[in-house]
Amino acid sequence: MLLVVGVGVLGWVGWQYFGTGITSNQQMTEGENSLRSQWKAPARAGVKPSAAKPSTGKPFVLLRIPRFGADWVKPVVEGVDADELARGIGHYPQTQLPGQPGNFAVAGHRVTHGSPFRKLLELNKGDQVLVETQDAVYTYVLDGSPRDLTVKASQTWVLDPVPGKQQPPTRSIITLTTCQDLFHSPDRSVAFGHLVKVTQK
């Protein structure tokens, strides 16, 4: 019985660390392709594409981090529950959209489910993060490395429009969050960045 239990546990661990990556990478590729096809379709009359409210669980922008390689691109889906994070990088629904005054905050796994943020702690101050929407590309520059800021999951001030301050936002920022450890951890590594350029498509 112990042998059966042991094999079962190893099988579960193997699925978490390898199997979920296969399915999530497939879903991320499908999400990216679906989004690109959607962008080619005519926009609804009177609705600016970048201002449309995202639907929960659906990809709505693409995220690029040049430091991770020219081919690194991941879809960002609305929501940060387990189901959403299995489909790509998740957008905290209570935060702003790209380019808007305030905080565009996202989360991603470092391990399992495709590990889109596996190398996030390798980023440094000055690295770029590009967010592509249907009509523009927003270029953000990191103000620090996610290695340098760790918070508890309950410390939601990092998601405020102006993190840590109760005041109206005057500029557009980005917040990247992920697990602090490669194994399950309640702590989050966080990096902030600010918008430096908007390129219309």
N, C-alpha and C. Protein backbone atom coordinates (compact mmCIF):
# COMPACT_ATOMS: atom_id res chain seq x y z
N MET A 1 0.83 -1.20 0.00
CA MET A 1 0.00 0.00 0.00
C MET A 1 0.86 1.25 0.00
N LEU A 2 1.93 1.23 0.82
CA LEU A 2 2.83 2.38 0.84
C LEU A 2 3.47 2.62 -0.53
N LEU A 3 3.78 1.53 -1.22
CA LEU A 3 4.37 1.65 -2.56
C LEU A 3 3.37 2.31 -3.51
N VAL A 4 2.11 1.88 -3.43
CA VAL A 4 1.08 2.46 -4.30
C VAL A 4 0.90 3.94 -3.99
N VAL A 5 0.85 4.28 -2.69
CA VAL A 5 0.72 5.68 -2.30
C VAL A 5 1.90 6.50 -2.80
N GLY A 6 3.12 5.92 -2.64
CA GLY A 6 4.32 6.62 -3.08
C GLY A 6 4.31 6.88 -4.57
N VAL A 7 3.91 5.88 -5.34
CA VAL A 7 3.83 6.05 -6.79
C VAL A 7 2.79 7.10 -7.15
N GLY A 8 1.68 7.07 -6.40
CA GLY A 8 0.62 8.06 -6.66
C GLY A 8 1.09 9.48 -6.39
N VAL A 9 1.82 9.65 -5.30
CA VAL A 9 2.35 10.98 -4.95
C VAL A 9 3.34 11.45 -6.01
N LEU A 10 4.25 10.55 -6.42
CA LEU A 10 5.22 10.91 -7.46
C LEU A 10 4.53 11.26 -8.77
N GLY A 11 3.47 10.50 -9.08
CA GLY A 11 2.72 10.79 -10.30
C GLY A 11 2.07 12.16 -10.24
N TRP A 12 1.50 12.52 -9.07
CA TRP A 12 0.87 13.83 -8.91
C TRP A 12 1.89 14.94 -9.03
N VAL A 13 3.06 14.76 -8.38
CA VAL A 13 4.12 15.77 -8.47
C VAL A 13 4.60 15.92 -9.91
N GLY A 14 4.76 14.77 -10.58
CA GLY A 14 5.20 14.82 -11.98
C GLY A 14 4.21 15.56 -12.85
N TRP A 15 2.92 15.32 -12.62
CA TRP A 15 1.89 16.01 -13.40
C TRP A 15 1.92 17.52 -13.13
N GLN A 16 2.07 17.89 -11.85
CA GLN A 16 2.09 19.31 -11.50
C GLN A 16 3.26 20.04 -12.17
N TYR A 17 4.42 19.39 -12.17
CA TYR A 17 5.62 20.08 -12.66
C TYR A 17 5.86 19.89 -14.16
N PHE A 18 5.29 18.88 -14.76
CA PHE A 18 5.53 18.65 -16.19
C PHE A 18 4.24 18.59 -17.00
N GLY A 19 3.26 17.84 -16.51
CA GLY A 19 2.01 17.69 -17.26
C GLY A 19 1.25 18.98 -17.42
N THR A 20 1.16 19.78 -16.33
CA THR A 20 0.43 21.04 -16.44
C THR A 20 1.11 21.99 -17.41
N GLY A 21 2.43 21.86 -17.54
CA GLY A 21 3.15 22.72 -18.48
C GLY A 21 2.74 22.45 -19.91
N ILE A 22 2.53 21.17 -20.24
CA ILE A 22 2.14 20.81 -21.60
C ILE A 22 0.78 21.41 -21.94
N THR A 23 -0.20 21.20 -21.06
CA THR A 23 -1.54 21.70 -21.33
C THR A 23 -1.60 23.23 -21.30
N SER A 24 -0.88 23.85 -20.35
CA SER A 24 -0.92 25.32 -20.26
C SER A 24 -0.21 25.97 -21.44
N ASN A 25 0.90 25.40 -21.87
CA ASN A 25 1.59 25.97 -23.04
C ASN A 25 0.71 25.89 -24.28
N GLN A 26 -0.04 24.80 -24.39
CA GLN A 26 -0.96 24.67 -25.51
C GLN A 26 -2.06 25.73 -25.43
N GLN A 27 -2.59 25.94 -24.23
CA GLN A 27 -3.64 26.94 -24.04
C GLN A 27 -3.11 28.35 -24.29
N MET A 28 -1.86 28.62 -23.91
CA MET A 28 -1.28 29.94 -24.14
C MET A 28 -1.09 30.20 -25.64
N THR A 29 -0.65 29.17 -26.36
CA THR A 29 -0.50 29.31 -27.81
C THR A 29 -1.85 29.55 -28.47
N GLU A 30 -2.85 28.79 -28.05
CA GLU A 30 -4.19 28.98 -28.59
C GLU A 30 -4.73 30.37 -28.24
N GLY A 31 -4.44 30.84 -27.03
CA GLY A 31 -4.89 32.17 -26.62
C GLY A 31 -4.25 33.26 -27.45
N GLU A 32 -2.96 33.12 -27.70
CA GLU A 32 -2.27 34.11 -28.53
C GLU A 32 -2.84 34.13 -29.94
N ASN A 33 -3.02 32.95 -30.53
CA ASN A 33 -3.55 32.87 -31.90
C ASN A 33 -4.97 33.41 -31.98
N SER A 34 -5.78 33.09 -30.98
CA SER A 34 -7.16 33.58 -30.95
C SER A 34 -7.20 35.10 -30.86
N LEU A 35 -6.31 35.64 -30.04
CA LEU A 35 -6.27 37.10 -29.87
C LEU A 35 -5.86 37.79 -31.15
N ARG A 36 -4.86 37.24 -31.83
CA ARG A 36 -4.41 37.85 -33.08
C ARG A 36 -5.52 37.80 -34.14
N SER A 37 -6.25 36.70 -34.18
CA SER A 37 -7.37 36.59 -35.13
C SER A 37 -8.46 37.61 -34.80
N GLN A 38 -8.70 37.76 -33.50
CA GLN A 38 -9.71 38.71 -33.05
C GLN A 38 -9.32 40.14 -33.43
N TRP A 39 -8.04 40.45 -33.31
CA TRP A 39 -7.56 41.80 -33.63
C TRP A 39 -7.72 42.13 -35.11
N LYS A 40 -7.71 41.10 -35.94
CA LYS A 40 -7.84 41.34 -37.38
C LYS A 40 -9.29 41.61 -37.78
N ALA A 41 -10.23 41.24 -36.91
CA ALA A 41 -11.65 41.46 -37.20
C ALA A 41 -11.98 42.94 -36.99
N PRO A 42 -12.96 43.45 -37.72
CA PRO A 42 -13.35 44.87 -37.56
C PRO A 42 -13.82 45.15 -36.13
N ALA A 43 -13.41 46.31 -35.60
CA ALA A 43 -13.81 46.70 -34.25
C ALA A 43 -15.27 47.10 -34.23
N ARG A 44 -15.93 46.91 -33.08
CA ARG A 44 -17.32 47.34 -32.95
C ARG A 44 -17.40 48.86 -33.05
N ALA A 45 -18.41 49.34 -33.71
CA ALA A 45 -18.57 50.78 -33.91
C ALA A 45 -18.65 51.51 -32.58
N GLY A 46 -17.84 52.55 -32.46
CA GLY A 46 -17.88 53.40 -31.27
C GLY A 46 -17.11 52.87 -30.09
N VAL A 47 -16.45 51.73 -30.21
CA VAL A 47 -15.71 51.16 -29.08
C VAL A 47 -14.23 51.15 -29.41
N LYS A 48 -13.44 51.89 -28.62
CA LYS A 48 -12.00 51.88 -28.80
C LYS A 48 -11.46 50.55 -28.29
N PRO A 49 -10.71 49.77 -29.09
CA PRO A 49 -10.29 48.42 -28.68
C PRO A 49 -9.62 48.37 -27.31
N SER A 50 -8.70 49.30 -27.03
CA SER A 50 -7.94 49.23 -25.78
C SER A 50 -8.79 49.61 -24.57
N ALA A 51 -9.99 50.20 -24.79
CA ALA A 51 -10.83 50.62 -23.68
C ALA A 51 -11.93 49.61 -23.36
N ALA A 52 -12.08 48.57 -24.19
CA ALA A 52 -13.12 47.58 -23.97
C ALA A 52 -12.83 46.77 -22.71
N LYS A 53 -13.85 46.52 -21.90
CA LYS A 53 -13.66 45.77 -20.66
C LYS A 53 -13.37 44.31 -20.98
N PRO A 54 -12.28 43.76 -20.46
CA PRO A 54 -11.95 42.35 -20.73
C PRO A 54 -12.95 41.40 -20.09
N SER A 55 -13.12 40.24 -20.71
CA SER A 55 -13.99 39.20 -20.17
C SER A 55 -13.16 38.23 -19.33
N THR A 56 -13.68 37.85 -18.18
CA THR A 56 -12.97 36.95 -17.28
C THR A 56 -12.55 35.66 -17.99
N GLY A 57 -11.28 35.33 -17.84
CA GLY A 57 -10.76 34.10 -18.43
C GLY A 57 -10.33 34.21 -19.87
N LYS A 58 -10.55 35.36 -20.48
CA LYS A 58 -10.23 35.53 -21.90
C LYS A 58 -8.95 36.36 -22.06
N PRO A 59 -8.08 35.99 -23.04
CA PRO A 59 -6.89 36.82 -23.31
C PRO A 59 -7.31 38.14 -23.93
N PHE A 60 -6.63 39.23 -23.54
CA PHE A 60 -6.99 40.53 -24.11
C PHE A 60 -5.78 41.37 -24.51
N VAL A 61 -4.59 41.03 -24.04
CA VAL A 61 -3.36 41.68 -24.49
C VAL A 61 -2.24 40.64 -24.52
N LEU A 62 -1.13 41.01 -25.15
CA LEU A 62 0.06 40.16 -25.17
C LEU A 62 1.18 40.84 -24.41
N LEU A 63 1.95 40.05 -23.68
CA LEU A 63 3.06 40.57 -22.88
C LEU A 63 4.37 40.06 -23.46
N ARG A 64 5.31 40.97 -23.64
CA ARG A 64 6.65 40.62 -24.13
C ARG A 64 7.69 41.16 -23.16
N ILE A 65 8.72 40.34 -22.89
CA ILE A 65 9.85 40.78 -22.07
C ILE A 65 11.11 40.48 -22.88
N PRO A 66 11.66 41.49 -23.56
CA PRO A 66 12.79 41.26 -24.47
C PRO A 66 13.96 40.52 -23.84
N ARG A 67 14.19 40.71 -22.55
CA ARG A 67 15.31 40.03 -21.89
C ARG A 67 15.16 38.51 -21.94
N PHE A 68 13.93 38.02 -22.08
CA PHE A 68 13.68 36.58 -22.13
C PHE A 68 13.83 36.02 -23.54
N GLY A 69 14.14 36.86 -24.51
CA GLY A 69 14.32 36.39 -25.88
C GLY A 69 13.31 37.00 -26.83
N ALA A 70 13.70 37.07 -28.10
CA ALA A 70 12.86 37.71 -29.11
C ALA A 70 11.54 36.99 -29.33
N ASP A 71 11.51 35.67 -29.05
CA ASP A 71 10.30 34.89 -29.30
C ASP A 71 9.40 34.76 -28.08
N TRP A 72 9.80 35.36 -26.94
CA TRP A 72 9.02 35.22 -25.72
C TRP A 72 7.82 36.16 -25.77
N VAL A 73 6.63 35.58 -25.84
CA VAL A 73 5.39 36.35 -25.82
C VAL A 73 4.32 35.49 -25.15
N LYS A 74 3.55 36.11 -24.24
CA LYS A 74 2.53 35.37 -23.51
C LYS A 74 1.23 36.17 -23.51
N PRO A 75 0.09 35.46 -23.61
CA PRO A 75 -1.18 36.16 -23.50
C PRO A 75 -1.47 36.52 -22.05
N VAL A 76 -2.14 37.64 -21.87
CA VAL A 76 -2.61 38.04 -20.54
C VAL A 76 -4.12 37.86 -20.52
N VAL A 77 -4.61 37.08 -19.58
CA VAL A 77 -6.05 36.84 -19.46
C VAL A 77 -6.60 37.62 -18.28
N GLU A 78 -7.89 37.89 -18.32
CA GLU A 78 -8.52 38.62 -17.23
C GLU A 78 -8.79 37.69 -16.06
N GLY A 79 -8.22 38.03 -14.89
CA GLY A 79 -8.42 37.23 -13.69
C GLY A 79 -7.16 36.55 -13.21
N VAL A 80 -7.09 36.26 -11.91
CA VAL A 80 -5.90 35.63 -11.33
C VAL A 80 -6.25 34.39 -10.52
N ASP A 81 -7.43 33.81 -10.76
CA ASP A 81 -7.76 32.54 -10.12
C ASP A 81 -6.97 31.42 -10.79
N ALA A 82 -7.03 30.22 -10.21
CA ALA A 82 -6.24 29.10 -10.72
C ALA A 82 -6.54 28.81 -12.19
N ASP A 83 -7.81 28.86 -12.56
CA ASP A 83 -8.18 28.57 -13.94
C ASP A 83 -7.57 29.58 -14.91
N GLU A 84 -7.60 30.86 -14.53
CA GLU A 84 -7.05 31.89 -15.40
C GLU A 84 -5.53 31.76 -15.52
N LEU A 85 -4.86 31.52 -14.39
CA LEU A 85 -3.40 31.43 -14.41
C LEU A 85 -2.91 30.18 -15.13
N ALA A 86 -3.80 29.22 -15.35
CA ALA A 86 -3.44 28.05 -16.14
C ALA A 86 -3.45 28.36 -17.63
N ARG A 87 -4.06 29.49 -18.01
CA ARG A 87 -4.17 29.85 -19.42
C ARG A 87 -3.15 30.91 -19.84
N GLY A 88 -2.41 31.44 -18.89
CA GLY A 88 -1.43 32.48 -19.22
C GLY A 88 -1.13 33.34 -18.02
N ILE A 89 -0.69 34.53 -18.26
CA ILE A 89 -0.45 35.51 -17.20
C ILE A 89 -1.79 36.15 -16.87
N GLY A 90 -2.05 36.37 -15.61
CA GLY A 90 -3.35 36.90 -15.20
C GLY A 90 -3.30 38.38 -14.86
N HIS A 91 -4.37 39.08 -15.22
CA HIS A 91 -4.51 40.50 -14.89
C HIS A 91 -5.42 40.63 -13.67
N TYR A 92 -4.96 41.38 -12.65
CA TYR A 92 -5.80 41.64 -11.49
C TYR A 92 -6.96 42.54 -11.92
N PRO A 93 -8.20 42.03 -11.86
CA PRO A 93 -9.34 42.79 -12.41
C PRO A 93 -9.56 44.15 -11.79
N GLN A 94 -9.14 44.34 -10.52
CA GLN A 94 -9.38 45.61 -9.86
C GLN A 94 -8.37 46.68 -10.27
N THR A 95 -7.37 46.30 -11.08
CA THR A 95 -6.37 47.27 -11.49
C THR A 95 -6.67 47.78 -12.90
N GLN A 96 -5.91 48.80 -13.31
CA GLN A 96 -6.20 49.49 -14.55
C GLN A 96 -5.75 48.70 -15.78
N LEU A 97 -6.17 49.18 -16.96
CA LEU A 97 -5.77 48.59 -18.23
C LEU A 97 -4.49 49.27 -18.71
N PRO A 98 -3.77 48.66 -19.65
CA PRO A 98 -2.50 49.23 -20.14
C PRO A 98 -2.70 50.66 -20.66
N GLY A 99 -1.78 51.54 -20.28
CA GLY A 99 -1.79 52.91 -20.76
C GLY A 99 -2.67 53.85 -19.97
N GLN A 100 -3.59 53.32 -19.16
CA GLN A 100 -4.45 54.17 -18.35
C GLN A 100 -3.69 54.69 -17.15
N PRO A 101 -4.05 55.87 -16.63
CA PRO A 101 -3.44 56.32 -15.37
C PRO A 101 -3.73 55.31 -14.28
N GLY A 102 -2.71 54.90 -13.58
CA GLY A 102 -2.88 53.89 -12.54
C GLY A 102 -2.01 52.68 -12.78
N ASN A 103 -2.41 51.57 -12.20
CA ASN A 103 -1.56 50.39 -12.07
C ASN A 103 -2.12 49.20 -12.88
N PHE A 104 -1.41 48.82 -13.92
CA PHE A 104 -1.74 47.59 -14.67
C PHE A 104 -0.94 46.47 -14.03
N ALA A 105 -1.61 45.64 -13.22
CA ALA A 105 -0.93 44.63 -12.40
C ALA A 105 -1.25 43.22 -12.89
N VAL A 106 -0.21 42.39 -12.99
CA VAL A 106 -0.36 41.03 -13.50
C VAL A 106 0.37 40.03 -12.60
N ALA A 107 -0.02 38.76 -12.73
CA ALA A 107 0.60 37.68 -11.96
C ALA A 107 0.84 36.49 -12.88
N GLY A 108 1.88 35.71 -12.56
CA GLY A 108 2.17 34.52 -13.34
C GLY A 108 2.91 33.49 -12.50
N HIS A 109 2.79 32.22 -12.91
CA HIS A 109 3.47 31.13 -12.21
C HIS A 109 4.97 31.12 -12.49
N ARG A 110 5.76 30.77 -11.48
CA ARG A 110 7.19 30.51 -11.68
C ARG A 110 7.42 29.03 -11.98
N VAL A 111 6.57 28.17 -11.42
CA VAL A 111 6.62 26.73 -11.72
C VAL A 111 5.20 26.27 -11.99
N THR A 112 5.08 25.15 -12.71
CA THR A 112 3.82 24.55 -13.13
C THR A 112 3.07 25.45 -14.10
N HIS A 113 2.13 24.88 -14.81
CA HIS A 113 1.25 25.60 -15.73
C HIS A 113 2.02 26.46 -16.73
N GLY A 114 3.07 25.90 -17.29
CA GLY A 114 3.84 26.61 -18.31
C GLY A 114 4.92 27.52 -17.77
N SER A 115 4.90 27.80 -16.47
CA SER A 115 5.93 28.63 -15.82
C SER A 115 6.27 29.90 -16.60
N PRO A 116 5.28 30.74 -16.95
CA PRO A 116 5.61 31.92 -17.75
C PRO A 116 6.54 32.90 -17.06
N PHE A 117 6.50 32.95 -15.72
CA PHE A 117 7.36 33.88 -14.99
C PHE A 117 8.52 33.16 -14.29
N ARG A 118 8.94 32.03 -14.83
CA ARG A 118 10.01 31.26 -14.20
C ARG A 118 11.29 32.09 -14.01
N LYS A 119 11.60 32.93 -14.97
CA LYS A 119 12.84 33.72 -14.91
C LYS A 119 12.61 35.16 -14.46
N LEU A 120 11.45 35.42 -13.87
CA LEU A 120 11.13 36.81 -13.53
C LEU A 120 12.16 37.44 -12.61
N LEU A 121 12.69 36.66 -11.65
CA LEU A 121 13.63 37.23 -10.69
C LEU A 121 14.99 37.54 -11.32
N GLU A 122 15.18 37.18 -12.59
CA GLU A 122 16.42 37.54 -13.29
C GLU A 122 16.36 38.94 -13.88
N LEU A 123 15.18 39.55 -13.86
CA LEU A 123 15.05 40.90 -14.43
C LEU A 123 15.73 41.92 -13.54
N ASN A 124 16.18 43.01 -14.17
CA ASN A 124 16.88 44.07 -13.47
C ASN A 124 16.23 45.42 -13.72
N LYS A 125 16.57 46.38 -12.92
CA LYS A 125 16.13 47.75 -13.14
C LYS A 125 16.53 48.19 -14.55
N GLY A 126 15.59 48.79 -15.27
CA GLY A 126 15.87 49.24 -16.63
C GLY A 126 15.42 48.29 -17.71
N ASP A 127 15.11 47.03 -17.35
CA ASP A 127 14.60 46.09 -18.35
C ASP A 127 13.21 46.52 -18.83
N GLN A 128 12.92 46.21 -20.08
CA GLN A 128 11.66 46.62 -20.68
C GLN A 128 10.60 45.51 -20.56
N VAL A 129 9.36 45.96 -20.47
CA VAL A 129 8.20 45.08 -20.53
C VAL A 129 7.24 45.72 -21.54
N LEU A 130 6.90 44.97 -22.58
CA LEU A 130 6.04 45.49 -23.64
C LEU A 130 4.66 44.85 -23.54
N VAL A 131 3.64 45.68 -23.59
CA VAL A 131 2.26 45.21 -23.56
C VAL A 131 1.60 45.61 -24.88
N GLU A 132 1.18 44.60 -25.64
CA GLU A 132 0.58 44.85 -26.95
C GLU A 132 -0.93 44.69 -26.89
N THR A 133 -1.64 45.73 -27.33
CA THR A 133 -3.08 45.67 -27.45
C THR A 133 -3.43 45.67 -28.94
N GLN A 134 -4.71 45.73 -29.23
CA GLN A 134 -5.13 45.71 -30.62
C GLN A 134 -4.64 46.95 -31.38
N ASP A 135 -4.53 48.07 -30.68
CA ASP A 135 -4.22 49.30 -31.39
C ASP A 135 -2.90 49.96 -31.00
N ALA A 136 -2.16 49.39 -30.03
CA ALA A 136 -0.92 50.05 -29.60
C ALA A 136 0.01 49.07 -28.88
N VAL A 137 1.27 49.49 -28.76
CA VAL A 137 2.24 48.76 -27.95
C VAL A 137 2.73 49.72 -26.87
N TYR A 138 2.59 49.32 -25.60
CA TYR A 138 2.99 50.14 -24.47
C TYR A 138 4.31 49.62 -23.93
N THR A 139 5.31 50.48 -23.86
CA THR A 139 6.63 50.09 -23.38
C THR A 139 6.84 50.63 -21.97
N TYR A 140 7.03 49.70 -21.04
CA TYR A 140 7.31 50.05 -19.65
C TYR A 140 8.77 49.73 -19.34
N VAL A 141 9.36 50.46 -18.41
CA VAL A 141 10.72 50.20 -17.94
C VAL A 141 10.66 49.92 -16.44
N LEU A 142 11.31 48.84 -16.01
CA LEU A 142 11.27 48.46 -14.60
C LEU A 142 12.05 49.45 -13.73
N ASP A 143 11.47 49.76 -12.57
CA ASP A 143 12.12 50.65 -11.60
C ASP A 143 13.03 49.87 -10.64
N GLY A 144 12.93 48.55 -10.66
CA GLY A 144 13.76 47.73 -9.79
C GLY A 144 13.58 46.26 -10.16
N SER A 145 14.35 45.41 -9.52
CA SER A 145 14.25 43.97 -9.78
C SER A 145 13.25 43.33 -8.83
N PRO A 146 12.49 42.32 -9.30
CA PRO A 146 11.60 41.59 -8.40
C PRO A 146 12.34 40.83 -7.31
N ARG A 147 13.67 40.70 -7.44
CA ARG A 147 14.47 40.09 -6.37
C ARG A 147 14.49 40.96 -5.13
N ASP A 148 14.25 42.26 -5.33
CA ASP A 148 14.47 43.22 -4.25
C ASP A 148 13.23 43.53 -3.42
N LEU A 149 12.07 43.03 -3.83
CA LEU A 149 10.85 43.31 -3.07
C LEU A 149 10.03 42.04 -2.91
N THR A 150 9.84 41.63 -1.65
CA THR A 150 9.02 40.47 -1.33
C THR A 150 7.93 40.90 -0.37
N VAL A 151 6.68 40.51 -0.64
CA VAL A 151 5.56 40.86 0.22
C VAL A 151 4.73 39.62 0.51
N LYS A 152 3.94 39.69 1.56
CA LYS A 152 2.97 38.64 1.84
C LYS A 152 1.81 38.77 0.85
N ALA A 153 1.13 37.65 0.61
CA ALA A 153 -0.01 37.67 -0.31
C ALA A 153 -1.09 38.64 0.16
N SER A 154 -1.15 38.88 1.47
CA SER A 154 -2.17 39.77 2.03
C SER A 154 -1.83 41.26 1.85
N GLN A 155 -0.61 41.55 1.44
CA GLN A 155 -0.20 42.95 1.30
C GLN A 155 -0.59 43.46 -0.09
N THR A 156 -1.86 43.82 -0.20
CA THR A 156 -2.41 44.21 -1.50
C THR A 156 -2.12 45.65 -1.88
N TRP A 157 -1.36 46.37 -1.07
CA TRP A 157 -1.03 47.75 -1.42
C TRP A 157 -0.26 47.82 -2.73
N VAL A 158 0.39 46.71 -3.13
CA VAL A 158 1.16 46.72 -4.38
C VAL A 158 0.25 46.82 -5.59
N LEU A 159 -1.05 46.59 -5.39
CA LEU A 159 -2.01 46.66 -6.48
C LEU A 159 -2.74 48.00 -6.54
N ASP A 160 -2.48 48.90 -5.58
CA ASP A 160 -3.13 50.20 -5.58
C ASP A 160 -2.77 51.00 -6.83
N PRO A 161 -3.66 51.92 -7.26
CA PRO A 161 -3.34 52.77 -8.42
C PRO A 161 -2.00 53.48 -8.28
N VAL A 162 -1.70 53.93 -7.07
CA VAL A 162 -0.37 54.44 -6.72
C VAL A 162 0.09 53.59 -5.54
N PRO A 163 0.89 52.55 -5.78
CA PRO A 163 1.22 51.58 -4.72
C PRO A 163 1.71 52.22 -3.42
N GLY A 164 1.01 51.91 -2.34
CA GLY A 164 1.41 52.38 -1.03
C GLY A 164 0.95 53.78 -0.69
N LYS A 165 0.23 54.43 -1.62
CA LYS A 165 -0.22 55.80 -1.37
C LYS A 165 -1.69 55.94 -1.74
N GLN A 166 -2.44 56.62 -0.90
CA GLN A 166 -3.85 56.87 -1.16
C GLN A 166 -3.99 58.21 -1.86
N GLN A 167 -3.73 58.21 -3.14
CA GLN A 167 -3.84 59.43 -3.93
C GLN A 167 -4.17 59.08 -5.37
N PRO A 168 -4.79 60.00 -6.10
CA PRO A 168 -5.16 59.73 -7.49
C PRO A 168 -3.91 59.52 -8.35
N PRO A 169 -3.95 58.56 -9.28
CA PRO A 169 -2.79 58.31 -10.14
C PRO A 169 -2.63 59.41 -11.18
N THR A 170 -1.38 59.72 -11.48
CA THR A 170 -1.08 60.71 -12.51
C THR A 170 -0.26 60.11 -13.65
N ARG A 171 0.16 58.85 -13.50
CA ARG A 171 0.93 58.21 -14.55
C ARG A 171 0.56 56.74 -14.64
N SER A 172 0.97 56.10 -15.70
CA SER A 172 0.68 54.68 -15.92
C SER A 172 1.87 53.84 -15.49
N ILE A 173 1.59 52.84 -14.64
CA ILE A 173 2.66 51.95 -14.18
C ILE A 173 2.25 50.50 -14.43
N ILE A 174 3.21 49.61 -14.29
CA ILE A 174 2.96 48.18 -14.39
C ILE A 174 3.52 47.50 -13.14
N THR A 175 2.83 46.46 -12.68
CA THR A 175 3.29 45.67 -11.54
C THR A 175 3.32 44.21 -11.94
N LEU A 176 4.46 43.56 -11.75
CA LEU A 176 4.63 42.14 -12.04
C LEU A 176 4.74 41.40 -10.72
N THR A 177 3.94 40.34 -10.54
CA THR A 177 4.01 39.56 -9.30
C THR A 177 4.13 38.07 -9.61
N THR A 178 4.83 37.36 -8.73
CA THR A 178 4.97 35.92 -8.86
C THR A 178 5.36 35.34 -7.51
N CYS A 179 5.34 34.01 -7.38
CA CYS A 179 5.76 33.37 -6.14
C CYS A 179 7.22 33.68 -5.85
N GLN A 180 7.52 33.93 -4.59
CA GLN A 180 8.90 34.28 -4.22
C GLN A 180 9.82 33.08 -4.34
N ASP A 181 9.30 31.89 -4.05
CA ASP A 181 10.11 30.67 -4.12
C ASP A 181 9.67 29.82 -5.31
N LEU A 182 10.56 28.95 -5.76
CA LEU A 182 10.20 28.04 -6.84
C LEU A 182 9.17 27.02 -6.38
N PHE A 183 9.16 26.72 -5.07
CA PHE A 183 8.15 25.83 -4.53
C PHE A 183 7.06 26.68 -3.90
N HIS A 184 5.94 26.06 -3.53
CA HIS A 184 4.78 26.80 -3.03
C HIS A 184 5.18 27.73 -1.90
N SER A 185 4.79 28.99 -2.02
CA SER A 185 5.13 29.99 -1.02
C SER A 185 4.02 31.02 -0.93
N PRO A 186 3.71 31.48 0.30
CA PRO A 186 2.70 32.54 0.44
C PRO A 186 3.26 33.92 0.10
N ASP A 187 4.57 34.00 -0.07
CA ASP A 187 5.21 35.29 -0.36
C ASP A 187 5.23 35.57 -1.86
N ARG A 188 5.24 36.84 -2.20
CA ARG A 188 5.22 37.26 -3.60
C ARG A 188 6.41 38.18 -3.89
N SER A 189 7.07 37.92 -5.00
CA SER A 189 8.10 38.82 -5.51
C SER A 189 7.42 39.82 -6.43
N VAL A 190 7.81 41.09 -6.30
CA VAL A 190 7.10 42.16 -6.98
C VAL A 190 8.09 43.11 -7.65
N ALA A 191 7.74 43.55 -8.85
CA ALA A 191 8.52 44.59 -9.52
C ALA A 191 7.56 45.63 -10.09
N PHE A 192 7.93 46.89 -9.96
CA PHE A 192 7.16 47.99 -10.53
C PHE A 192 7.90 48.56 -11.74
N GLY A 193 7.14 49.10 -12.67
CA GLY A 193 7.73 49.78 -13.82
C GLY A 193 6.84 50.95 -14.22
N HIS A 194 7.38 51.81 -15.06
CA HIS A 194 6.59 52.97 -15.49
C HIS A 194 6.58 53.06 -17.01
N LEU A 195 5.52 53.63 -17.55
CA LEU A 195 5.34 53.75 -18.99
C LEU A 195 6.26 54.82 -19.56
N VAL A 196 7.00 54.45 -20.61
CA VAL A 196 7.93 55.39 -21.23
C VAL A 196 7.58 55.69 -22.69
N LYS A 197 6.78 54.81 -23.33
CA LYS A 197 6.51 55.03 -24.75
C LYS A 197 5.24 54.31 -25.16
N VAL A 198 4.48 54.94 -26.04
CA VAL A 198 3.30 54.32 -26.64
C VAL A 198 3.47 54.37 -28.15
N THR A 199 3.45 53.21 -28.78
CA THR A 199 3.59 53.12 -30.23
C THR A 199 2.27 52.66 -30.83
N GLN A 200 1.65 53.51 -31.63
CA GLN A 200 0.39 53.14 -32.26
C GLN A 200 0.65 52.13 -33.37
N LYS A 201 -0.28 51.20 -33.54
CA LYS A 201 -0.14 50.15 -34.56
C LYS A 201 -0.86 50.55 -35.84
